[in-house]
Amino acid sequence: MLTLTQVKSKSASRLSGLHPVILAASTALIERCYARGIPIVITQGLRTIAEQDALYAQGRTKPGAIVTNAKGGYSYHNYGLAVDFALLLPNGSSVSWDMKLDGNGNNIADWLEVAEEGKRLGFEWGGDWTSFKDYPHFQMTFGLTLAQLRAGVQPADSAVEAAYRVITPKQEPKEQVMEEKTLATVKVNGVKVADGLLDKGVTYVPVRVLVEALGAKVTGYDALTKTVEITCNR
């Protein structure tokens, strides 16, 4: 299986020129899908007006099937706010648009798992559209219409910040929790018996260690009542 670094390198050229939020979300999408055993590749990112017009001509004035209803300037791709993806096959050089493929063997189509991860990251998925479904397509509009984008309007800072919060939700660092806990040396009659865990003024030590150091014995444990039996020699 390809490494995550190898998988990400397959999309590197298509991520250039994207809005920073879309870049972050696309990178996270690749990483999250890889963690689910689904390597993907970004096949389309920023698309120039000329490239969009050429794509629009396909199936109309040029050979091929119709793949878009958007002329140049009428696609979120033209503003770096959209990406398309495909499934990366195990050979690392071929891609698939097979929406029924279950490469990770969990009885769920890989394509739908990618769509699920994309929507969790805040993407709008073209497969949810009603008029012209675009199954490989993800986009973020930041509440802007294409007319606004053509007029030069940029996503508001508040909308950008909100998108980042979805992509990288704030979590309580594990290190911060551990900082409150330190080790404390536990001695019995001047002899160290254990390193206890000091947490908010309370020292925690394994029962058996402390009991045996005091000359007693742990004689039993009742899992049902969670009771420890200790016997002292008097």
Protein backbone atom coordinates (compact mmCIF):
# COMPACT_ATOMS: atom_id res chain seq x y z
CA MET A 1 0.00 0.00 0.00
CA LEU A 2 1.19 3.50 -0.79
CA THR A 3 2.26 5.70 2.10
CA LEU A 4 0.27 8.82 2.92
CA THR A 5 3.14 10.95 1.62
CA GLN A 6 3.04 9.11 -1.71
CA VAL A 7 -0.73 9.49 -1.94
CA LYS A 8 -0.57 13.21 -1.18
CA SER A 9 2.13 13.73 -3.81
CA LYS A 10 -0.30 12.50 -6.48
CA SER A 11 -2.50 15.55 -5.85
CA ALA A 12 0.18 18.18 -5.27
CA SER A 13 0.05 19.77 -8.71
CA ARG A 14 -3.76 20.08 -8.60
CA LEU A 15 -3.75 21.84 -5.22
CA SER A 16 -1.78 24.81 -6.48
CA GLY A 17 -3.73 28.09 -6.65
CA LEU A 18 -6.60 26.98 -4.44
CA HIS A 19 -8.03 29.30 -1.81
CA PRO A 20 -6.15 28.51 1.46
CA VAL A 21 -9.29 27.11 3.09
CA ILE A 22 -9.96 24.79 0.15
CA LEU A 23 -6.31 23.72 0.23
CA ALA A 24 -6.56 22.90 3.94
CA ALA A 25 -9.85 21.04 3.51
CA SER A 26 -8.59 19.08 0.49
CA THR A 27 -5.44 18.07 2.33
CA ALA A 28 -7.52 16.99 5.33
CA LEU A 29 -9.84 15.06 2.99
CA ILE A 30 -6.91 13.09 1.54
CA GLU A 31 -5.62 12.34 5.05
CA ARG A 32 -9.00 11.31 6.47
CA CYS A 33 -9.83 9.07 3.52
CA TYR A 34 -6.40 7.45 3.72
CA ALA A 35 -7.05 6.70 7.40
CA ARG A 36 -10.19 4.84 6.28
CA GLY A 37 -8.20 2.80 3.78
CA ILE A 38 -9.36 4.86 0.79
CA PRO A 39 -6.55 6.60 -1.11
CA ILE A 40 -7.87 9.40 -3.32
CA VAL A 41 -6.39 11.87 -5.74
CA ILE A 42 -7.53 15.40 -6.51
CA THR A 43 -8.01 15.46 -10.28
CA GLN A 44 -9.14 19.07 -10.68
CA GLY A 45 -8.55 22.21 -8.63
CA LEU A 46 -8.19 25.74 -9.90
CA ARG A 47 -9.41 25.94 -13.50
CA THR A 48 -8.75 28.93 -15.74
CA ILE A 49 -11.55 30.61 -17.68
CA ALA A 50 -10.08 29.24 -20.92
CA GLU A 51 -9.94 25.73 -19.51
CA GLN A 52 -13.54 26.05 -18.34
CA ASP A 53 -14.69 27.19 -21.78
CA ALA A 54 -12.88 24.25 -23.39
CA LEU A 55 -14.55 21.86 -20.96
CA TYR A 56 -17.94 23.42 -21.66
CA ALA A 57 -17.42 22.91 -25.38
CA GLN A 58 -16.95 19.16 -24.85
CA GLY A 59 -20.07 17.37 -26.05
CA ARG A 60 -21.33 20.53 -27.69
CA THR A 61 -18.95 21.94 -30.27
CA LYS A 62 -16.18 19.41 -29.53
CA PRO A 63 -16.16 15.60 -29.31
CA GLY A 64 -16.92 13.87 -26.03
CA ALA A 65 -19.64 13.72 -23.42
CA ILE A 66 -21.08 16.76 -21.69
CA VAL A 67 -19.42 17.01 -18.28
CA THR A 68 -20.37 20.54 -17.20
CA ASN A 69 -23.09 23.12 -17.68
CA ALA A 70 -20.78 25.95 -16.64
CA LYS A 71 -19.08 28.34 -19.04
CA GLY A 72 -15.90 30.18 -18.11
CA GLY A 73 -16.47 32.30 -15.00
CA TYR A 74 -19.53 30.28 -14.03
CA SER A 75 -17.80 27.57 -12.01
CA TYR A 76 -16.40 27.74 -8.50
CA HIS A 77 -13.34 25.99 -9.93
CA ASN A 78 -12.48 29.28 -11.67
CA TYR A 79 -12.02 30.94 -8.29
CA GLY A 80 -10.08 28.19 -6.50
CA LEU A 81 -13.10 27.23 -4.42
CA ALA A 82 -13.73 23.73 -5.80
CA VAL A 83 -11.99 20.41 -6.37
CA ASP A 84 -12.80 17.13 -8.08
CA PHE A 85 -11.52 13.75 -6.91
CA ALA A 86 -11.14 10.14 -8.00
CA LEU A 87 -10.24 6.93 -6.20
CA LEU A 88 -6.55 6.03 -6.42
CA LEU A 89 -6.08 2.36 -7.26
CA PRO A 90 -3.53 0.12 -5.47
CA ASN A 91 -1.01 0.32 -8.33
CA GLY A 92 -0.59 4.01 -7.48
CA SER A 93 -0.82 5.13 -11.09
CA SER A 94 -4.44 4.51 -12.07
CA VAL A 95 -7.62 6.13 -10.84
CA SER A 96 -11.23 5.02 -10.76
CA TRP A 97 -14.59 6.76 -10.86
CA ASP A 98 -16.39 3.52 -9.95
CA MET A 99 -18.95 4.64 -7.36
CA LYS A 100 -19.60 1.05 -6.26
CA LEU A 101 -15.98 0.14 -5.54
CA ASP A 102 -15.38 -1.09 -2.00
CA GLY A 103 -11.61 -1.18 -1.85
CA ASN A 104 -11.39 -1.18 1.96
CA GLY A 105 -13.86 -4.06 2.22
CA ASN A 106 -16.25 -2.59 4.79
CA ASN A 107 -19.39 -3.10 2.68
CA ILE A 108 -19.76 0.64 2.09
CA ALA A 109 -18.92 2.14 -1.30
CA ASP A 110 -15.64 4.04 -1.05
CA TRP A 111 -17.13 6.91 -3.04
CA LEU A 112 -19.85 7.49 -0.48
CA GLU A 113 -17.29 7.39 2.35
CA VAL A 114 -15.28 10.11 0.59
CA ALA A 115 -18.46 12.16 0.15
CA GLU A 116 -19.22 11.74 3.86
CA GLU A 117 -15.75 12.93 4.89
CA GLY A 118 -15.95 15.87 2.48
CA LYS A 119 -19.23 17.07 3.91
CA ARG A 120 -17.87 16.74 7.44
CA LEU A 121 -15.10 19.12 6.41
CA GLY A 122 -17.66 21.67 5.25
CA PHE A 123 -17.67 20.90 1.54
CA GLU A 124 -20.82 20.98 -0.55
CA TRP A 125 -20.94 17.72 -2.55
CA GLY A 126 -22.08 17.77 -6.16
CA GLY A 127 -23.70 14.37 -5.67
CA ASP A 128 -26.36 16.05 -3.54
CA TRP A 129 -27.43 18.41 -6.31
CA THR A 130 -30.84 17.82 -7.87
CA SER A 131 -30.54 19.28 -11.36
CA PHE A 132 -27.06 18.27 -12.54
CA LYS A 133 -25.34 15.82 -10.24
CA ASP A 134 -21.55 16.12 -10.22
CA TYR A 135 -20.37 13.17 -8.16
CA PRO A 136 -16.60 13.89 -8.13
CA HIS A 137 -17.14 17.54 -7.15
CA PHE A 138 -16.66 19.39 -3.85
CA GLN A 139 -16.94 23.15 -3.33
CA MET A 140 -17.19 25.86 -0.71
CA THR A 141 -19.01 29.04 -1.66
CA PHE A 142 -18.64 31.05 1.59
CA GLY A 143 -22.15 32.30 0.85
CA LEU A 144 -21.04 34.01 -2.37
CA THR A 145 -22.77 33.69 -5.72
CA LEU A 146 -20.85 33.30 -8.95
CA ALA A 147 -22.03 36.76 -9.97
CA GLN A 148 -20.37 38.19 -6.87
CA LEU A 149 -17.17 36.29 -7.55
CA ARG A 150 -17.12 37.51 -11.16
CA ALA A 151 -17.44 41.04 -9.74
CA GLY A 152 -14.36 40.46 -7.60
CA VAL A 153 -16.00 39.93 -4.20
CA GLN A 154 -13.82 37.87 -1.85
CA PRO A 155 -14.96 35.54 0.97
CA ALA A 156 -15.50 37.45 4.22
CA ASP A 157 -12.96 36.92 6.99
CA SER A 158 -15.70 35.66 9.30
CA ALA A 159 -16.75 33.01 6.76
CA VAL A 160 -13.14 31.93 6.28
CA GLU A 161 -12.59 31.64 10.03
CA ALA A 162 -15.79 29.62 10.43
CA ALA A 163 -14.63 27.22 7.71
CA TYR A 164 -11.26 26.75 9.39
CA ARG A 165 -13.01 25.90 12.66
CA VAL A 166 -14.86 23.06 10.91
CA ILE A 167 -11.69 21.72 9.29
CA THR A 168 -9.57 21.89 12.43
CA PRO A 169 -11.91 21.92 15.45
CA LYS A 170 -10.29 23.11 18.66
CA GLN A 171 -9.47 20.27 21.02
CA GLU A 172 -8.17 20.22 24.56
CA PRO A 173 -4.49 19.27 24.26
CA LYS A 174 -3.64 16.02 26.01
CA GLU A 175 -0.43 17.60 27.23
CA GLN A 176 -2.40 20.22 29.15
CA VAL A 177 -4.24 17.53 31.09
CA MET A 178 -1.02 15.78 31.97
CA GLU A 179 0.61 18.99 33.15
CA GLU A 180 -1.68 18.95 36.19
CA LYS A 181 -0.32 15.56 37.22
CA THR A 182 3.20 14.95 38.53
CA LEU A 183 5.01 12.04 40.14
CA ALA A 184 5.54 11.94 43.90
CA THR A 185 7.96 9.64 45.70
CA VAL A 186 6.18 7.42 48.23
CA LYS A 187 8.23 6.08 51.16
CA VAL A 188 7.36 3.72 54.01
CA ASN A 189 9.65 3.97 57.04
CA GLY A 190 12.09 5.99 54.97
CA VAL A 191 12.28 3.46 52.13
CA LYS A 192 10.93 4.31 48.68
CA VAL A 193 8.22 1.88 47.60
CA ALA A 194 6.68 3.57 44.56
CA ASP A 195 6.32 6.63 42.38
CA GLY A 196 2.83 7.89 43.11
CA LEU A 197 0.78 10.05 40.78
CA LEU A 198 0.09 13.44 42.32
CA ASP A 199 -3.10 14.93 40.95
CA LYS A 200 -4.63 18.07 42.49
CA GLY A 201 -3.19 17.37 45.93
CA VAL A 202 -4.03 13.64 46.01
CA THR A 203 -1.33 10.97 45.64
CA TYR A 204 -2.37 7.75 43.89
CA VAL A 205 -0.38 4.54 44.50
CA PRO A 206 -1.14 0.93 43.49
CA VAL A 207 -2.89 -0.71 46.43
CA ARG A 208 -0.77 -3.87 46.44
CA VAL A 209 2.51 -1.94 46.52
CA LEU A 210 1.50 0.13 49.53
CA VAL A 211 -0.23 -2.71 51.39
CA GLU A 212 2.72 -5.09 51.09
CA ALA A 213 5.12 -2.34 52.16
CA LEU A 214 3.06 -2.06 55.35
CA GLY A 215 3.27 -5.80 55.97
CA ALA A 216 -0.22 -6.69 54.86
CA LYS A 217 -1.52 -8.67 51.89
CA VAL A 218 -4.09 -8.20 49.15
CA THR A 219 -6.08 -11.43 49.44
CA GLY A 220 -8.78 -10.89 46.88
CA TYR A 221 -10.75 -8.69 44.52
CA ASP A 222 -14.48 -8.88 43.82
CA ALA A 223 -15.01 -7.62 40.26
CA LEU A 224 -18.76 -7.48 40.74
CA THR A 225 -18.66 -5.12 43.71
CA LYS A 226 -15.23 -3.71 42.84
CA THR A 227 -13.99 -4.52 46.33
CA VAL A 228 -10.36 -5.12 47.33
CA GLU A 229 -9.81 -7.48 50.30
CA ILE A 230 -6.77 -6.74 52.50
CA THR A 231 -5.51 -8.95 55.35
CA CYS A 232 -3.33 -7.52 58.13
CA ASN A 233 -1.15 -9.64 60.43
CA ARG A 234 -1.70 -8.33 63.98
